[in-house]
Amino acid sequence: MIDLHTHSFFSDGALIPSELVRRAEAIGLRGIGITDHGDSSNIDFIIPRIVAVAADLNECCNIKVIPGIELTHVPPRLIADLAKKARALGAKLVAVHGETIVEPVPSGTNRAALEADIDVLAHPGLISEEEVLMAKEKGIYLEISARKGHSLTNGHVARLARKIGAKLVIDTDTHDPGDLIDERQARRVVLGAGLTDKDFDIMQENASVFL
């Protein structure tokens, strides 16, 4: 199991990166992205620290740690420039907090994210067919989420991605230790979105490019 979307105490997660990674390793994960919430106020603080701890942990752990960022509630017109800055700071995975239906994410966030240099559009909510086509054309992964609330639109995202041929990943959006899930539970989330075990395997192949 590879989980590209988690949070440490560098934003609103409960754990320091080392404990987050150890807990993920203990339940059998082989890859984890640490993607704390960021905007122009903090990405220059967060990313170098996650890059440093990832380098340390990757020398001694069996799990691969991917340093990243989740640009969150950023005004759409600022997303592209912040994504470039995140890359320059060393982020190997740039995600954008998509238009989930359970938070007041600015309208136009999905489109602006898909026009930028990002890797994952997290919990994209009621994403449009046109936006899913943009994701397909740019090779940006759309997220099926295991997180309460964000998961309410998994079926919609899965249906359009399958129809159009966009790539998917399955992530937890972990904030607390209990949010981490093993492969068995991740497969159940994928099945619950109307997809198949084969789709899960493909989603894990998609995530493996970051390893």
N, C-alpha and C. Protein backbone atom coordinates (compact mmCIF):
# COMPACT_ATOMS: atom_id res chain seq x y z
N MET A 1 0.84 -1.19 0.00
CA MET A 1 0.00 0.00 0.00
C MET A 1 0.88 1.25 0.00
N ILE A 2 0.57 2.18 -0.89
CA ILE A 2 1.23 3.47 -0.96
C ILE A 2 0.19 4.54 -0.71
N ASP A 3 0.46 5.42 0.23
CA ASP A 3 -0.47 6.49 0.61
C ASP A 3 0.25 7.82 0.37
N LEU A 4 -0.23 8.58 -0.60
CA LEU A 4 0.47 9.80 -0.99
C LEU A 4 0.03 11.04 -0.24
N HIS A 5 -0.94 10.93 0.65
CA HIS A 5 -1.55 12.14 1.24
C HIS A 5 -1.72 11.98 2.75
N THR A 6 -0.75 12.53 3.50
CA THR A 6 -0.84 12.51 4.96
C THR A 6 -0.33 13.83 5.51
N HIS A 7 -0.61 14.07 6.80
CA HIS A 7 -0.24 15.32 7.45
C HIS A 7 0.46 15.04 8.78
N SER A 8 1.49 15.80 9.04
CA SER A 8 2.20 15.74 10.31
C SER A 8 1.85 16.98 11.14
N PHE A 9 2.56 17.14 12.27
CA PHE A 9 2.24 18.31 13.10
C PHE A 9 2.81 19.60 12.52
N PHE A 10 3.44 19.51 11.34
CA PHE A 10 3.85 20.74 10.67
C PHE A 10 2.64 21.49 10.09
N SER A 11 1.48 20.83 10.06
CA SER A 11 0.24 21.57 9.78
C SER A 11 -0.77 21.17 10.85
N ASP A 12 -1.77 20.36 10.49
CA ASP A 12 -2.80 20.02 11.48
C ASP A 12 -2.83 18.54 11.82
N GLY A 13 -1.73 17.83 11.55
CA GLY A 13 -1.64 16.44 11.96
C GLY A 13 -1.21 16.32 13.41
N ALA A 14 -1.36 15.12 13.96
CA ALA A 14 -1.09 14.90 15.38
C ALA A 14 0.33 14.42 15.66
N LEU A 15 1.03 13.93 14.65
CA LEU A 15 2.30 13.24 14.87
C LEU A 15 3.48 13.96 14.23
N ILE A 16 4.66 13.80 14.84
CA ILE A 16 5.87 14.23 14.16
C ILE A 16 6.10 13.27 12.97
N PRO A 17 6.83 13.70 11.96
CA PRO A 17 7.00 12.85 10.78
C PRO A 17 7.54 11.45 11.08
N SER A 18 8.51 11.35 11.99
CA SER A 18 9.09 10.03 12.27
C SER A 18 8.07 9.04 12.82
N GLU A 19 7.19 9.52 13.71
CA GLU A 19 6.17 8.60 14.24
C GLU A 19 5.12 8.28 13.19
N LEU A 20 4.75 9.26 12.39
CA LEU A 20 3.80 9.02 11.30
C LEU A 20 4.33 7.94 10.37
N VAL A 21 5.60 8.06 10.00
CA VAL A 21 6.20 7.09 9.09
C VAL A 21 6.30 5.73 9.75
N ARG A 22 6.70 5.69 11.02
CA ARG A 22 6.83 4.40 11.71
C ARG A 22 5.49 3.69 11.81
N ARG A 23 4.44 4.43 12.13
CA ARG A 23 3.11 3.81 12.23
C ARG A 23 2.65 3.28 10.87
N ALA A 24 2.96 4.01 9.82
CA ALA A 24 2.61 3.54 8.48
C ALA A 24 3.39 2.27 8.12
N GLU A 25 4.67 2.28 8.45
CA GLU A 25 5.51 1.10 8.19
C GLU A 25 5.00 -0.11 8.95
N ALA A 26 4.55 0.11 10.18
CA ALA A 26 4.12 -0.99 11.04
C ALA A 26 2.86 -1.69 10.52
N ILE A 27 2.04 -1.00 9.74
CA ILE A 27 0.83 -1.65 9.20
C ILE A 27 1.03 -2.09 7.75
N GLY A 28 2.29 -2.05 7.29
CA GLY A 28 2.61 -2.65 6.01
C GLY A 28 2.71 -1.72 4.82
N LEU A 29 2.65 -0.40 5.03
CA LEU A 29 2.78 0.50 3.90
C LEU A 29 4.22 0.47 3.37
N ARG A 30 4.36 0.59 2.06
CA ARG A 30 5.70 0.63 1.46
C ARG A 30 6.06 2.01 0.94
N GLY A 31 5.11 2.94 1.00
CA GLY A 31 5.39 4.31 0.60
C GLY A 31 4.41 5.27 1.24
N ILE A 32 4.90 6.46 1.63
CA ILE A 32 4.03 7.45 2.24
C ILE A 32 4.47 8.85 1.82
N GLY A 33 3.51 9.64 1.40
CA GLY A 33 3.78 11.04 1.12
C GLY A 33 3.39 11.90 2.31
N ILE A 34 4.28 12.77 2.74
CA ILE A 34 3.96 13.73 3.80
C ILE A 34 3.66 15.05 3.11
N THR A 35 2.40 15.44 3.14
CA THR A 35 1.92 16.57 2.34
C THR A 35 1.15 17.54 3.23
N ASP A 36 1.87 18.18 4.11
CA ASP A 36 1.21 19.11 5.03
C ASP A 36 0.57 20.27 4.29
N HIS A 37 -0.46 20.84 4.94
CA HIS A 37 -1.17 21.97 4.35
C HIS A 37 -0.25 23.18 4.23
N GLY A 38 -0.26 23.81 3.04
CA GLY A 38 0.60 24.95 2.85
C GLY A 38 -0.02 26.04 2.01
N ASP A 39 0.45 27.26 2.25
CA ASP A 39 0.17 28.41 1.40
C ASP A 39 1.41 29.29 1.41
N SER A 40 1.29 30.53 0.97
CA SER A 40 2.48 31.38 0.89
C SER A 40 3.06 31.73 2.25
N SER A 41 2.32 31.48 3.32
CA SER A 41 2.80 31.83 4.66
C SER A 41 3.78 30.82 5.23
N ASN A 42 3.75 29.57 4.73
CA ASN A 42 4.50 28.54 5.45
C ASN A 42 5.24 27.52 4.59
N ILE A 43 5.09 27.54 3.26
CA ILE A 43 5.73 26.45 2.51
C ILE A 43 7.25 26.51 2.60
N ASP A 44 7.81 27.70 2.78
CA ASP A 44 9.26 27.79 2.90
C ASP A 44 9.75 27.27 4.25
N PHE A 45 8.85 27.13 5.20
CA PHE A 45 9.18 26.52 6.50
C PHE A 45 8.97 25.01 6.45
N ILE A 46 7.84 24.57 5.91
CA ILE A 46 7.47 23.16 5.95
C ILE A 46 8.32 22.31 5.03
N ILE A 47 8.41 22.68 3.77
CA ILE A 47 8.99 21.77 2.79
C ILE A 47 10.44 21.41 3.10
N PRO A 48 11.33 22.36 3.41
CA PRO A 48 12.71 21.95 3.70
C PRO A 48 12.81 20.99 4.88
N ARG A 49 11.94 21.12 5.86
CA ARG A 49 11.99 20.22 7.02
C ARG A 49 11.51 18.82 6.66
N ILE A 50 10.47 18.74 5.84
CA ILE A 50 10.00 17.43 5.41
C ILE A 50 11.03 16.79 4.49
N VAL A 51 11.66 17.57 3.63
CA VAL A 51 12.72 17.05 2.77
C VAL A 51 13.86 16.47 3.61
N ALA A 52 14.24 17.18 4.67
CA ALA A 52 15.35 16.73 5.52
C ALA A 52 15.02 15.44 6.26
N VAL A 53 13.83 15.38 6.85
CA VAL A 53 13.48 14.18 7.61
C VAL A 53 13.26 13.00 6.66
N ALA A 54 12.73 13.26 5.47
CA ALA A 54 12.55 12.17 4.50
C ALA A 54 13.90 11.58 4.12
N ALA A 55 14.89 12.43 3.92
CA ALA A 55 16.23 11.94 3.57
C ALA A 55 16.79 11.05 4.67
N ASP A 56 16.61 11.47 5.92
CA ASP A 56 17.09 10.66 7.05
C ASP A 56 16.37 9.32 7.12
N LEU A 57 15.05 9.36 7.04
CA LEU A 57 14.27 8.14 7.20
C LEU A 57 14.47 7.18 6.03
N ASN A 58 14.67 7.71 4.84
CA ASN A 58 14.87 6.85 3.68
C ASN A 58 16.19 6.09 3.74
N GLU A 59 17.10 6.52 4.60
CA GLU A 59 18.36 5.81 4.76
C GLU A 59 18.25 4.60 5.67
N CYS A 60 17.19 4.57 6.49
CA CYS A 60 17.14 3.51 7.51
C CYS A 60 15.82 2.78 7.63
N CYS A 61 14.81 3.17 6.86
CA CYS A 61 13.49 2.53 6.98
C CYS A 61 13.20 1.70 5.73
N ASN A 62 12.30 0.76 5.89
CA ASN A 62 11.88 -0.06 4.76
C ASN A 62 10.77 0.59 3.95
N ILE A 63 10.20 1.67 4.46
CA ILE A 63 9.16 2.41 3.78
C ILE A 63 9.79 3.63 3.10
N LYS A 64 9.31 3.97 1.92
CA LYS A 64 9.81 5.13 1.19
C LYS A 64 9.00 6.36 1.58
N VAL A 65 9.70 7.42 1.97
CA VAL A 65 9.06 8.67 2.39
C VAL A 65 9.20 9.70 1.27
N ILE A 66 8.08 10.28 0.86
CA ILE A 66 8.06 11.23 -0.25
C ILE A 66 7.72 12.61 0.31
N PRO A 67 8.64 13.56 0.25
CA PRO A 67 8.36 14.90 0.78
C PRO A 67 7.49 15.70 -0.18
N GLY A 68 6.41 16.25 0.37
CA GLY A 68 5.49 16.99 -0.48
C GLY A 68 4.81 18.13 0.23
N ILE A 69 3.74 18.60 -0.38
CA ILE A 69 2.94 19.69 0.16
C ILE A 69 1.53 19.57 -0.41
N GLU A 70 0.55 19.99 0.38
CA GLU A 70 -0.82 20.12 -0.14
C GLU A 70 -1.19 21.60 -0.07
N LEU A 71 -1.21 22.25 -1.21
CA LEU A 71 -1.62 23.64 -1.27
C LEU A 71 -3.12 23.70 -0.95
N THR A 72 -3.47 24.47 0.08
CA THR A 72 -4.78 24.34 0.70
C THR A 72 -5.50 25.66 0.82
N HIS A 73 -6.73 25.73 0.28
CA HIS A 73 -7.56 26.93 0.34
C HIS A 73 -6.83 28.16 -0.21
N VAL A 74 -5.95 27.92 -1.16
CA VAL A 74 -5.21 29.01 -1.81
C VAL A 74 -6.09 29.63 -2.88
N PRO A 75 -6.16 30.95 -2.97
CA PRO A 75 -6.90 31.56 -4.08
C PRO A 75 -6.44 30.99 -5.41
N PRO A 76 -7.37 30.61 -6.29
CA PRO A 76 -6.99 29.93 -7.52
C PRO A 76 -5.89 30.60 -8.32
N ARG A 77 -5.89 31.93 -8.40
CA ARG A 77 -4.89 32.60 -9.24
C ARG A 77 -3.47 32.51 -8.68
N LEU A 78 -3.34 32.07 -7.42
CA LEU A 78 -2.02 31.95 -6.80
C LEU A 78 -1.44 30.53 -6.89
N ILE A 79 -2.26 29.57 -7.30
CA ILE A 79 -1.86 28.17 -7.23
C ILE A 79 -0.65 27.87 -8.10
N ALA A 80 -0.65 28.33 -9.34
CA ALA A 80 0.44 27.99 -10.25
C ALA A 80 1.79 28.47 -9.73
N ASP A 81 1.85 29.70 -9.25
CA ASP A 81 3.12 30.23 -8.75
C ASP A 81 3.57 29.50 -7.49
N LEU A 82 2.63 29.16 -6.61
CA LEU A 82 3.00 28.44 -5.39
C LEU A 82 3.47 27.02 -5.71
N ALA A 83 2.87 26.41 -6.70
CA ALA A 83 3.32 25.07 -7.10
C ALA A 83 4.76 25.12 -7.59
N LYS A 84 5.11 26.15 -8.38
CA LYS A 84 6.49 26.32 -8.84
C LYS A 84 7.43 26.52 -7.66
N LYS A 85 7.01 27.33 -6.69
CA LYS A 85 7.85 27.58 -5.53
C LYS A 85 8.05 26.30 -4.73
N ALA A 86 6.98 25.51 -4.59
CA ALA A 86 7.08 24.25 -3.86
C ALA A 86 8.10 23.32 -4.50
N ARG A 87 8.08 23.25 -5.82
CA ARG A 87 9.07 22.43 -6.53
C ARG A 87 10.49 22.94 -6.24
N ALA A 88 10.66 24.25 -6.31
CA ALA A 88 11.98 24.83 -6.09
C ALA A 88 12.49 24.56 -4.68
N LEU A 89 11.58 24.44 -3.73
CA LEU A 89 11.95 24.17 -2.34
C LEU A 89 12.25 22.69 -2.09
N GLY A 90 11.96 21.85 -3.07
CA GLY A 90 12.29 20.43 -2.94
C GLY A 90 11.13 19.48 -2.82
N ALA A 91 9.91 19.95 -2.97
CA ALA A 91 8.76 19.04 -2.90
C ALA A 91 8.80 18.07 -4.07
N LYS A 92 8.74 16.79 -3.78
CA LYS A 92 8.70 15.76 -4.82
C LYS A 92 7.27 15.41 -5.20
N LEU A 93 6.32 15.88 -4.41
CA LEU A 93 4.91 15.61 -4.66
C LEU A 93 4.14 16.88 -4.33
N VAL A 94 3.48 17.45 -5.32
CA VAL A 94 2.67 18.65 -5.09
C VAL A 94 1.21 18.29 -5.31
N ALA A 95 0.45 18.40 -4.23
CA ALA A 95 -0.99 18.16 -4.28
C ALA A 95 -1.72 19.48 -4.05
N VAL A 96 -2.94 19.54 -4.53
CA VAL A 96 -3.80 20.68 -4.24
C VAL A 96 -5.08 20.17 -3.60
N HIS A 97 -5.49 20.87 -2.55
CA HIS A 97 -6.71 20.58 -1.81
C HIS A 97 -7.90 20.94 -2.72
N GLY A 98 -8.51 19.91 -3.30
CA GLY A 98 -9.57 20.13 -4.27
C GLY A 98 -10.89 20.58 -3.66
N GLU A 99 -11.88 20.73 -4.52
CA GLU A 99 -13.16 21.33 -4.15
C GLU A 99 -14.10 20.33 -3.46
N THR A 100 -13.62 19.77 -2.37
CA THR A 100 -14.46 18.90 -1.54
C THR A 100 -15.77 19.60 -1.19
N ILE A 101 -16.84 18.83 -1.08
CA ILE A 101 -18.15 19.43 -0.78
C ILE A 101 -18.33 19.73 0.70
N VAL A 102 -17.37 19.37 1.54
CA VAL A 102 -17.53 19.57 2.98
C VAL A 102 -16.71 20.74 3.52
N GLU A 103 -16.05 21.48 2.64
CA GLU A 103 -15.32 22.67 3.04
C GLU A 103 -15.54 23.77 2.01
N PRO A 104 -15.42 25.04 2.41
CA PRO A 104 -15.66 26.15 1.48
C PRO A 104 -14.44 26.47 0.62
N VAL A 105 -14.00 25.50 -0.15
CA VAL A 105 -12.86 25.69 -1.04
C VAL A 105 -13.27 26.67 -2.15
N PRO A 106 -12.42 27.64 -2.50
CA PRO A 106 -12.79 28.61 -3.52
C PRO A 106 -13.17 27.95 -4.85
N SER A 107 -14.26 28.39 -5.44
CA SER A 107 -14.65 27.92 -6.76
C SER A 107 -13.54 28.23 -7.76
N GLY A 108 -13.29 27.30 -8.63
CA GLY A 108 -12.21 27.47 -9.60
C GLY A 108 -10.91 26.84 -9.17
N THR A 109 -10.86 26.31 -7.95
CA THR A 109 -9.63 25.68 -7.46
C THR A 109 -9.24 24.47 -8.30
N ASN A 110 -10.21 23.60 -8.60
CA ASN A 110 -9.88 22.40 -9.38
C ASN A 110 -9.25 22.77 -10.71
N ARG A 111 -9.86 23.71 -11.41
CA ARG A 111 -9.35 24.09 -12.73
C ARG A 111 -7.96 24.72 -12.63
N ALA A 112 -7.79 25.63 -11.69
CA ALA A 112 -6.49 26.29 -11.53
C ALA A 112 -5.41 25.27 -11.19
N ALA A 113 -5.76 24.30 -10.35
CA ALA A 113 -4.80 23.26 -9.99
C ALA A 113 -4.40 22.44 -11.21
N LEU A 114 -5.38 22.09 -12.02
CA LEU A 114 -5.12 21.25 -13.18
C LEU A 114 -4.35 22.00 -14.27
N GLU A 115 -4.37 23.31 -14.21
CA GLU A 115 -3.59 24.12 -15.15
C GLU A 115 -2.16 24.33 -14.66
N ALA A 116 -1.88 23.97 -13.40
CA ALA A 116 -0.57 24.20 -12.79
C ALA A 116 0.28 22.93 -12.86
N ASP A 117 1.52 23.04 -12.39
CA ASP A 117 2.44 21.91 -12.36
C ASP A 117 2.27 21.17 -11.03
N ILE A 118 1.25 20.30 -10.99
CA ILE A 118 0.98 19.54 -9.78
C ILE A 118 0.93 18.05 -10.13
N ASP A 119 0.88 17.23 -9.08
CA ASP A 119 0.83 15.78 -9.27
C ASP A 119 -0.53 15.18 -8.94
N VAL A 120 -1.15 15.67 -7.86
CA VAL A 120 -2.39 15.07 -7.36
C VAL A 120 -3.40 16.17 -7.05
N LEU A 121 -4.64 15.98 -7.54
CA LEU A 121 -5.74 16.82 -7.12
C LEU A 121 -6.52 16.04 -6.07
N ALA A 122 -6.36 16.44 -4.82
CA ALA A 122 -6.95 15.70 -3.70
C ALA A 122 -8.45 15.96 -3.61
N HIS A 123 -9.18 14.92 -3.24
CA HIS A 123 -10.64 14.99 -3.02
C HIS A 123 -11.30 16.10 -3.85
N PRO A 124 -11.40 15.90 -5.17
CA PRO A 124 -11.86 16.98 -6.05
C PRO A 124 -13.36 17.21 -6.08
N GLY A 125 -14.10 16.56 -5.20
CA GLY A 125 -15.52 16.86 -5.07
C GLY A 125 -16.31 16.57 -6.33
N LEU A 126 -17.22 17.48 -6.68
CA LEU A 126 -18.07 17.30 -7.85
C LEU A 126 -17.36 17.84 -9.09
N ILE A 127 -16.21 17.30 -9.35
CA ILE A 127 -15.39 17.72 -10.48
C ILE A 127 -16.15 17.52 -11.79
N SER A 128 -15.92 18.39 -12.75
CA SER A 128 -16.65 18.33 -14.01
C SER A 128 -15.95 17.37 -14.99
N GLU A 129 -16.69 16.95 -16.02
CA GLU A 129 -16.10 16.10 -17.05
C GLU A 129 -14.95 16.81 -17.75
N GLU A 130 -15.11 18.10 -18.01
CA GLU A 130 -14.05 18.86 -18.67
C GLU A 130 -12.78 18.87 -17.83
N GLU A 131 -12.94 19.01 -16.51
CA GLU A 131 -11.77 19.02 -15.62
C GLU A 131 -11.14 17.63 -15.54
N VAL A 132 -11.94 16.59 -15.55
CA VAL A 132 -11.38 15.23 -15.56
C VAL A 132 -10.59 14.99 -16.84
N LEU A 133 -11.09 15.51 -17.95
CA LEU A 133 -10.35 15.40 -19.21
C LEU A 133 -9.03 16.15 -19.12
N MET A 134 -9.02 17.32 -18.47
CA MET A 134 -7.77 18.06 -18.27
C MET A 134 -6.79 17.22 -17.47
N ALA A 135 -7.28 16.57 -16.41
CA ALA A 135 -6.42 15.71 -15.59
C ALA A 135 -5.82 14.59 -16.42
N LYS A 136 -6.65 13.97 -17.26
CA LYS A 136 -6.15 12.89 -18.12
C LYS A 136 -5.06 13.40 -19.04
N GLU A 137 -5.31 14.53 -19.69
CA GLU A 137 -4.37 15.05 -20.68
C GLU A 137 -3.04 15.46 -20.05
N LYS A 138 -3.08 15.92 -18.79
CA LYS A 138 -1.85 16.38 -18.13
C LYS A 138 -1.21 15.30 -17.26
N GLY A 139 -1.85 14.14 -17.14
CA GLY A 139 -1.29 13.08 -16.31
C GLY A 139 -1.35 13.37 -14.83
N ILE A 140 -2.32 14.18 -14.41
CA ILE A 140 -2.50 14.50 -12.99
C ILE A 140 -3.43 13.48 -12.37
N TYR A 141 -3.04 12.97 -11.21
CA TYR A 141 -3.85 11.95 -10.55
C TYR A 141 -5.00 12.57 -9.78
N LEU A 142 -6.18 11.96 -9.89
CA LEU A 142 -7.33 12.34 -9.08
C LEU A 142 -7.43 11.38 -7.91
N GLU A 143 -7.84 11.90 -6.77
CA GLU A 143 -7.80 11.12 -5.53
C GLU A 143 -9.15 10.53 -5.16
N ILE A 144 -9.12 9.24 -4.85
CA ILE A 144 -10.20 8.60 -4.10
C ILE A 144 -9.77 8.65 -2.64
N SER A 145 -10.62 9.22 -1.79
CA SER A 145 -10.22 9.52 -0.41
C SER A 145 -10.87 8.57 0.59
N ALA A 146 -10.06 8.14 1.55
CA ALA A 146 -10.57 7.34 2.65
C ALA A 146 -11.05 8.21 3.82
N ARG A 147 -10.93 9.54 3.69
CA ARG A 147 -11.25 10.42 4.80
C ARG A 147 -12.74 10.75 4.85
N LYS A 148 -13.27 10.69 6.07
CA LYS A 148 -14.68 11.01 6.30
C LYS A 148 -14.98 12.39 5.72
N GLY A 149 -16.11 12.52 5.08
CA GLY A 149 -16.50 13.78 4.47
C GLY A 149 -16.00 13.88 3.05
N HIS A 150 -14.70 13.92 2.87
CA HIS A 150 -14.14 13.99 1.53
C HIS A 150 -14.55 12.78 0.68
N SER A 151 -14.79 11.65 1.34
CA SER A 151 -15.11 10.42 0.61
C SER A 151 -16.53 10.42 0.04
N LEU A 152 -17.34 11.42 0.40
CA LEU A 152 -18.74 11.43 -0.05
C LEU A 152 -18.87 11.51 -1.56
N THR A 153 -17.88 12.06 -2.24
CA THR A 153 -17.95 12.18 -3.70
C THR A 153 -17.05 11.18 -4.42
N ASN A 154 -16.56 10.17 -3.71
CA ASN A 154 -15.69 9.18 -4.34
C ASN A 154 -16.36 8.53 -5.55
N GLY A 155 -17.64 8.20 -5.42
CA GLY A 155 -18.34 7.52 -6.51
C GLY A 155 -18.39 8.38 -7.76
N HIS A 156 -18.65 9.67 -7.57
CA HIS A 156 -18.69 10.61 -8.71
C HIS A 156 -17.32 10.69 -9.38
N VAL A 157 -16.27 10.86 -8.58
CA VAL A 157 -14.92 10.96 -9.13
C VAL A 157 -14.55 9.67 -9.87
N ALA A 158 -14.85 8.54 -9.25
CA ALA A 158 -14.52 7.25 -9.86
C ALA A 158 -15.26 7.04 -11.17
N ARG A 159 -16.53 7.39 -11.21
CA ARG A 159 -17.33 7.19 -12.42
C ARG A 159 -16.79 8.01 -13.59
N LEU A 160 -16.48 9.29 -13.34
CA LEU A 160 -15.98 10.14 -14.42
C LEU A 160 -14.57 9.73 -14.84
N ALA A 161 -13.74 9.37 -13.86
CA ALA A 161 -12.38 8.95 -14.20
C ALA A 161 -12.40 7.70 -15.07
N ARG A 162 -13.27 6.76 -14.73
CA ARG A 162 -13.38 5.54 -15.53
C ARG A 162 -13.92 5.87 -16.93
N LYS A 163 -14.91 6.73 -17.01
CA LYS A 163 -15.52 7.10 -18.30
C LYS A 163 -14.51 7.77 -19.22
N ILE A 164 -13.68 8.66 -18.65
CA ILE A 164 -12.79 9.49 -19.46
C ILE A 164 -11.39 8.92 -19.56
N GLY A 165 -11.04 8.08 -18.60
CA GLY A 165 -9.71 7.46 -18.64
C GLY A 165 -8.65 8.20 -17.85
N ALA A 166 -9.07 9.01 -16.87
CA ALA A 166 -8.11 9.71 -16.02
C ALA A 166 -7.55 8.74 -14.98
N LYS A 167 -6.35 9.04 -14.51
CA LYS A 167 -5.68 8.19 -13.54
C LYS A 167 -6.11 8.54 -12.12
N LEU A 168 -6.21 7.51 -11.29
CA LEU A 168 -6.64 7.66 -9.90
C LEU A 168 -5.57 7.16 -8.94
N VAL A 169 -5.63 7.68 -7.70
CA VAL A 169 -4.88 7.13 -6.58
C VAL A 169 -5.83 7.03 -5.39
N ILE A 170 -5.51 6.16 -4.45
CA ILE A 170 -6.27 6.02 -3.21
C ILE A 170 -5.40 6.50 -2.06
N ASP A 171 -5.88 7.48 -1.31
CA ASP A 171 -5.13 8.08 -0.20
C ASP A 171 -6.01 8.20 1.03
N THR A 172 -5.35 8.40 2.19
CA THR A 172 -6.11 8.51 3.44
C THR A 172 -6.36 9.93 3.91
N ASP A 173 -5.49 10.88 3.51
CA ASP A 173 -5.57 12.23 4.09
C ASP A 173 -5.44 12.13 5.61
N THR A 174 -4.49 11.33 6.06
CA THR A 174 -4.30 11.08 7.49
C THR A 174 -3.93 12.35 8.25
N HIS A 175 -4.60 12.54 9.39
CA HIS A 175 -4.26 13.59 10.34
C HIS A 175 -3.93 13.01 11.72
N ASP A 176 -4.57 11.91 12.06
CA ASP A 176 -4.39 11.25 13.35
C ASP A 176 -3.98 9.80 13.14
N PRO A 177 -3.38 9.16 14.15
CA PRO A 177 -2.92 7.78 13.98
C PRO A 177 -4.00 6.83 13.47
N GLY A 178 -5.22 7.01 13.94
CA GLY A 178 -6.30 6.12 13.54
C GLY A 178 -6.75 6.29 12.11
N ASP A 179 -6.27 7.33 11.42
CA ASP A 179 -6.65 7.54 10.03
C ASP A 179 -5.88 6.65 9.07
N LEU A 180 -4.72 6.17 9.48
CA LEU A 180 -3.93 5.28 8.62
C LEU A 180 -4.68 3.97 8.40
N ILE A 181 -4.62 3.45 7.18
CA ILE A 181 -5.28 2.19 6.88
C ILE A 181 -4.32 1.26 6.16
N ASP A 182 -4.59 -0.04 6.27
CA ASP A 182 -3.77 -1.02 5.57
C ASP A 182 -4.36 -1.31 4.20
N GLU A 183 -3.71 -2.19 3.46
CA GLU A 183 -4.15 -2.47 2.10
C GLU A 183 -5.56 -3.05 2.06
N ARG A 184 -5.90 -3.90 3.02
CA ARG A 184 -7.23 -4.51 3.02
C ARG A 184 -8.32 -3.45 3.09
N GLN A 185 -8.15 -2.47 4.00
CA GLN A 185 -9.16 -1.43 4.13
C GLN A 185 -9.15 -0.49 2.92
N ALA A 186 -7.98 -0.23 2.37
CA ALA A 186 -7.91 0.62 1.17
C ALA A 186 -8.66 -0.03 0.02
N ARG A 187 -8.51 -1.33 -0.12
CA ARG A 187 -9.26 -2.03 -1.18
C ARG A 187 -10.77 -1.87 -0.95
N ARG A 188 -11.20 -1.92 0.28
CA ARG A 188 -12.63 -1.79 0.58
C ARG A 188 -13.13 -0.39 0.21
N VAL A 189 -12.31 0.63 0.46
CA VAL A 189 -12.70 1.99 0.07
C VAL A 189 -12.85 2.09 -1.44
N VAL A 190 -11.92 1.48 -2.17
CA VAL A 190 -11.99 1.48 -3.63
C VAL A 190 -13.23 0.74 -4.12
N LEU A 191 -13.52 -0.40 -3.55
CA LEU A 191 -14.73 -1.13 -3.92
C LEU A 191 -15.98 -0.31 -3.61
N GLY A 192 -15.96 0.40 -2.49
CA GLY A 192 -17.10 1.23 -2.11
C GLY A 192 -17.34 2.38 -3.06
N ALA A 193 -16.31 2.78 -3.80
CA ALA A 193 -16.46 3.84 -4.80
C ALA A 193 -16.97 3.31 -6.13
N GLY A 194 -17.26 2.01 -6.19
CA GLY A 194 -17.78 1.43 -7.42
C GLY A 194 -16.70 0.91 -8.35
N LEU A 195 -15.48 0.79 -7.83
CA LEU A 195 -14.37 0.29 -8.62
C LEU A 195 -14.08 -1.16 -8.25
N THR A 196 -12.99 -1.71 -8.73
CA THR A 196 -12.69 -3.12 -8.57
C THR A 196 -11.32 -3.32 -7.94
N ASP A 197 -11.03 -4.56 -7.56
CA ASP A 197 -9.70 -4.89 -7.06
C ASP A 197 -8.63 -4.60 -8.11
N LYS A 198 -8.96 -4.83 -9.37
CA LYS A 198 -8.01 -4.52 -10.44
C LYS A 198 -7.74 -3.02 -10.49
N ASP A 199 -8.79 -2.22 -10.30
CA ASP A 199 -8.60 -0.77 -10.26
C ASP A 199 -7.67 -0.37 -9.12
N PHE A 200 -7.82 -1.02 -7.96
CA PHE A 200 -6.93 -0.74 -6.84
C PHE A 200 -5.48 -1.01 -7.23
N ASP A 201 -5.25 -2.15 -7.88
CA ASP A 201 -3.88 -2.49 -8.28
C ASP A 201 -3.32 -1.44 -9.23
N ILE A 202 -4.13 -0.97 -10.15
CA ILE A 202 -3.70 0.07 -11.09
C ILE A 202 -3.40 1.37 -10.35
N MET A 203 -4.24 1.70 -9.36
CA MET A 203 -4.02 2.91 -8.58
C MET A 203 -2.71 2.85 -7.82
N GLN A 204 -2.36 1.67 -7.34
CA GLN A 204 -1.10 1.52 -6.64
C GLN A 204 0.09 1.60 -7.61
N GLU A 205 -0.11 1.10 -8.83
CA GLU A 205 0.93 1.28 -9.85
C GLU A 205 1.11 2.77 -10.16
N ASN A 206 0.00 3.51 -10.20
CA ASN A 206 0.09 4.95 -10.43
C ASN A 206 0.90 5.63 -9.33
N ALA A 207 0.62 5.25 -8.08
CA ALA A 207 1.32 5.86 -6.94
C ALA A 207 2.78 5.48 -6.90
N SER A 208 3.11 4.31 -7.43
CA SER A 208 4.48 3.80 -7.32
C SER A 208 5.50 4.63 -8.10
N VAL A 209 5.02 5.50 -9.01
CA VAL A 209 5.99 6.31 -9.77
C VAL A 209 6.74 7.25 -8.83
N PHE A 210 6.17 7.56 -7.67
CA PHE A 210 6.82 8.46 -6.72
C PHE A 210 7.89 7.74 -5.90
N LEU A 211 7.92 6.41 -5.97
CA LEU A 211 8.92 5.67 -5.21
C LEU A 211 10.22 5.52 -5.99
